Amino acid sequence: MMETVWDSSSINWRNMSLADELYKQPNNPKYFDCKIKYLLDDLDKVERLALVSAINKVKEGSAGDKKSGMYPWTAIWLRGVLANNGHIIGKLALRKHLEGKCSCGIK
């Protein structure tokens, strides 16, 4: 365990100097599973298939159709349905999943 040192130039304490910390090799990054993947893993088969279908419908629509209201399956709609059923998913988490930029690898 590292010794905690007092930084006399401020009221904050640190375990090492800024330079030491910047030169130190970082630990392996921690990847957290996508919240959509957590949800999919917890759902029963029928609900999982329904959620995958809804996600695919949201992915299929064009941005223009969604903004104009011509395409009803939007990320806002999906977040609302999930929230109404007790599954709170943030905008960023859903967007990352829909764009395939999350950590779960489900595209």
C-alpha atoms as a PDB file:
ATOM      1  CA  MET A   1       0.000   0.000   0.000  1.00  0.00           C
ATOM      2  CA  MET A   2       1.304   3.432  -0.906  1.00  0.00           C
ATOM      3  CA  GLU A   3       1.987   5.924   1.808  1.00  0.00           C
ATOM      4  CA  THR A   4      -0.282   8.933   1.740  1.00  0.00           C
ATOM      5  CA  VAL A   5       1.632  12.210   1.680  1.00  0.00           C
ATOM      6  CA  TRP A   6       0.402  15.664   2.489  1.00  0.00           C
ATOM      7  CA  ASP A   7       0.734  18.250  -0.269  1.00  0.00           C
ATOM      8  CA  SER A   8       1.634  21.384   1.652  1.00  0.00           C
ATOM      9  CA  SER A   9       0.799  23.645  -1.299  1.00  0.00           C
ATOM     10  CA  SER A  10      -2.897  22.877  -0.986  1.00  0.00           C
ATOM     11  CA  ILE A  11      -5.386  21.322   1.339  1.00  0.00           C
ATOM     12  CA  ASN A  12      -5.570  18.215  -0.846  1.00  0.00           C
ATOM     13  CA  TRP A  13      -3.647  15.005  -0.227  1.00  0.00           C
ATOM     14  CA  ARG A  14      -2.277  12.695  -2.903  1.00  0.00           C
ATOM     15  CA  ASN A  15      -0.559   9.349  -2.998  1.00  0.00           C
ATOM     16  CA  MET A  16       2.164  10.556  -5.384  1.00  0.00           C
ATOM     17  CA  SER A  17       3.221  13.650  -7.272  1.00  0.00           C
ATOM     18  CA  LEU A  18       1.503  14.583 -10.509  1.00  0.00           C
ATOM     19  CA  ALA A  19       4.667  13.875 -12.515  1.00  0.00           C
ATOM     20  CA  ASP A  20       5.092  10.452 -10.887  1.00  0.00           C
ATOM     21  CA  GLU A  21       1.500   9.556 -11.643  1.00  0.00           C
ATOM     22  CA  LEU A  22       1.745  10.717 -15.267  1.00  0.00           C
ATOM     23  CA  TYR A  23       4.924   8.699 -15.876  1.00  0.00           C
ATOM     24  CA  LYS A  24       3.586   5.579 -14.184  1.00  0.00           C
ATOM     25  CA  GLN A  25       2.212   2.921 -16.510  1.00  0.00           C
ATOM     26  CA  PRO A  26      -1.560   2.858 -16.114  1.00  0.00           C
ATOM     27  CA  ASN A  27      -3.360  -0.243 -14.989  1.00  0.00           C
ATOM     28  CA  ASN A  28      -5.367  -2.079 -17.596  1.00  0.00           C
ATOM     29  CA  PRO A  29      -8.496  -0.069 -18.283  1.00  0.00           C
ATOM     30  CA  LYS A  30     -11.627  -1.359 -16.631  1.00  0.00           C
ATOM     31  CA  TYR A  31     -14.379  -2.063 -19.081  1.00  0.00           C
ATOM     32  CA  PHE A  32     -17.893  -2.193 -17.798  1.00  0.00           C
ATOM     33  CA  ASP A  33     -20.534  -4.144 -19.593  1.00  0.00           C
ATOM     34  CA  CYS A  34     -23.066  -2.188 -21.541  1.00  0.00           C
ATOM     35  CA  LYS A  35     -26.260  -1.503 -19.572  1.00  0.00           C
ATOM     36  CA  ILE A  36     -28.292  -2.898 -22.471  1.00  0.00           C
ATOM     37  CA  LYS A  37     -26.312  -6.143 -22.249  1.00  0.00           C
ATOM     38  CA  TYR A  38     -26.930  -6.308 -18.487  1.00  0.00           C
ATOM     39  CA  LEU A  39     -30.627  -5.849 -19.170  1.00  0.00           C
ATOM     40  CA  LEU A  40     -30.692  -8.434 -21.965  1.00  0.00           C
ATOM     41  CA  ASP A  41     -28.954 -10.938 -19.683  1.00  0.00           C
ATOM     42  CA  ASP A  42     -31.604 -10.402 -16.971  1.00  0.00           C
ATOM     43  CA  LEU A  43     -34.712 -10.656 -19.148  1.00  0.00           C
ATOM     44  CA  ASP A  44     -36.615 -13.831 -19.897  1.00  0.00           C
ATOM     45  CA  LYS A  45     -36.584 -15.157 -23.459  1.00  0.00           C
ATOM     46  CA  VAL A  46     -39.808 -13.455 -24.614  1.00  0.00           C
ATOM     47  CA  GLU A  47     -38.835 -10.040 -23.244  1.00  0.00           C
ATOM     48  CA  ARG A  48     -35.263 -10.383 -24.558  1.00  0.00           C
ATOM     49  CA  LEU A  49     -36.532 -11.095 -28.082  1.00  0.00           C
ATOM     50  CA  ALA A  50     -38.947  -8.151 -27.845  1.00  0.00           C
ATOM     51  CA  LEU A  51     -36.141  -5.809 -26.707  1.00  0.00           C
ATOM     52  CA  VAL A  52     -33.800  -6.978 -29.482  1.00  0.00           C
ATOM     53  CA  SER A  53     -36.609  -6.427 -32.000  1.00  0.00           C
ATOM     54  CA  ALA A  54     -37.263  -2.927 -30.635  1.00  0.00           C
ATOM     55  CA  ILE A  55     -33.556  -2.066 -30.721  1.00  0.00           C
ATOM     56  CA  ASN A  56     -33.389  -3.190 -34.345  1.00  0.00           C
ATOM     57  CA  LYS A  57     -36.432  -1.057 -35.216  1.00  0.00           C
ATOM     58  CA  VAL A  58     -34.797   1.977 -33.601  1.00  0.00           C
ATOM     59  CA  LYS A  59     -31.598   1.318 -35.583  1.00  0.00           C
ATOM     60  CA  GLU A  60     -33.505   0.977 -38.888  1.00  0.00           C
ATOM     61  CA  GLY A  61     -35.140   4.400 -38.918  1.00  0.00           C
ATOM     62  CA  SER A  62     -33.446   7.357 -40.542  1.00  0.00           C
ATOM     63  CA  ALA A  63     -32.641  10.414 -38.440  1.00  0.00           C
ATOM     64  CA  GLY A  64     -34.791  12.611 -40.685  1.00  0.00           C
ATOM     65  CA  ASP A  65     -37.856  10.383 -40.349  1.00  0.00           C
ATOM     66  CA  LYS A  66     -37.409  10.211 -36.588  1.00  0.00           C
ATOM     67  CA  LYS A  67     -37.117  13.980 -36.222  1.00  0.00           C
ATOM     68  CA  SER A  68     -40.131  14.589 -38.427  1.00  0.00           C
ATOM     69  CA  GLY A  69     -42.244  12.180 -36.397  1.00  0.00           C
ATOM     70  CA  MET A  70     -42.787   9.908 -39.400  1.00  0.00           C
ATOM     71  CA  TYR A  71     -40.986   6.997 -37.726  1.00  0.00           C
ATOM     72  CA  PRO A  72     -42.323   6.089 -34.285  1.00  0.00           C
ATOM     73  CA  TRP A  73     -39.487   3.842 -33.075  1.00  0.00           C
ATOM     74  CA  THR A  74     -36.986   6.278 -31.609  1.00  0.00           C
ATOM     75  CA  ALA A  75     -34.429   6.068 -28.826  1.00  0.00           C
ATOM     76  CA  ILE A  76     -36.636   8.386 -26.762  1.00  0.00           C
ATOM     77  CA  TRP A  77     -39.570   5.993 -27.205  1.00  0.00           C
ATOM     78  CA  LEU A  78     -37.411   3.004 -26.255  1.00  0.00           C
ATOM     79  CA  ARG A  79     -36.005   4.718 -23.157  1.00  0.00           C
ATOM     80  CA  GLY A  80     -39.546   5.623 -22.117  1.00  0.00           C
ATOM     81  CA  VAL A  81     -40.854   2.082 -22.512  1.00  0.00           C
ATOM     82  CA  LEU A  82     -37.900   0.691 -20.576  1.00  0.00           C
ATOM     83  CA  ALA A  83     -38.300   3.303 -17.810  1.00  0.00           C
ATOM     84  CA  ASN A  84     -42.035   2.612 -17.548  1.00  0.00           C
ATOM     85  CA  ASN A  85     -41.123  -1.003 -16.892  1.00  0.00           C
ATOM     86  CA  GLY A  86     -38.492  -0.231 -14.256  1.00  0.00           C
ATOM     87  CA  HIS A  87     -35.379  -0.328 -16.448  1.00  0.00           C
ATOM     88  CA  ILE A  88     -33.635   3.047 -16.347  1.00  0.00           C
ATOM     89  CA  ILE A  89     -31.119   3.368 -19.185  1.00  0.00           C
ATOM     90  CA  GLY A  90     -29.297   6.644 -19.752  1.00  0.00           C
ATOM     91  CA  LYS A  91     -29.264   8.461 -23.091  1.00  0.00           C
ATOM     92  CA  LEU A  92     -25.530   7.968 -23.556  1.00  0.00           C
ATOM     93  CA  ALA A  93     -25.616   4.256 -22.714  1.00  0.00           C
ATOM     94  CA  LEU A  94     -28.433   3.666 -25.196  1.00  0.00           C
ATOM     95  CA  ARG A  95     -26.832   5.778 -27.907  1.00  0.00           C
ATOM     96  CA  LYS A  96     -23.484   3.981 -27.535  1.00  0.00           C
ATOM     97  CA  HIS A  97     -25.251   0.632 -27.819  1.00  0.00           C
ATOM     98  CA  LEU A  98     -27.284   1.680 -30.853  1.00  0.00           C
ATOM     99  CA  GLU A  99     -24.128   2.950 -32.576  1.00  0.00           C
ATOM    100  CA  GLY A 100     -22.167  -0.203 -31.692  1.00  0.00           C
ATOM    101  CA  LYS A 101     -19.715   1.822 -29.597  1.00  0.00           C
ATOM    102  CA  CYS A 102     -20.427   0.187 -26.255  1.00  0.00           C
ATOM    103  CA  SER A 103     -18.376  -2.511 -24.583  1.00  0.00           C
ATOM    104  CA  CYS A 104     -20.771  -5.421 -25.128  1.00  0.00           C
ATOM    105  CA  GLY A 105     -19.975  -6.111 -28.763  1.00  0.00           C
ATOM    106  CA  ILE A 106     -23.632  -6.617 -29.711  1.00  0.00           C
ATOM    107  CA  LYS A 107     -24.243  -4.699 -32.896  1.00  0.00           C
END
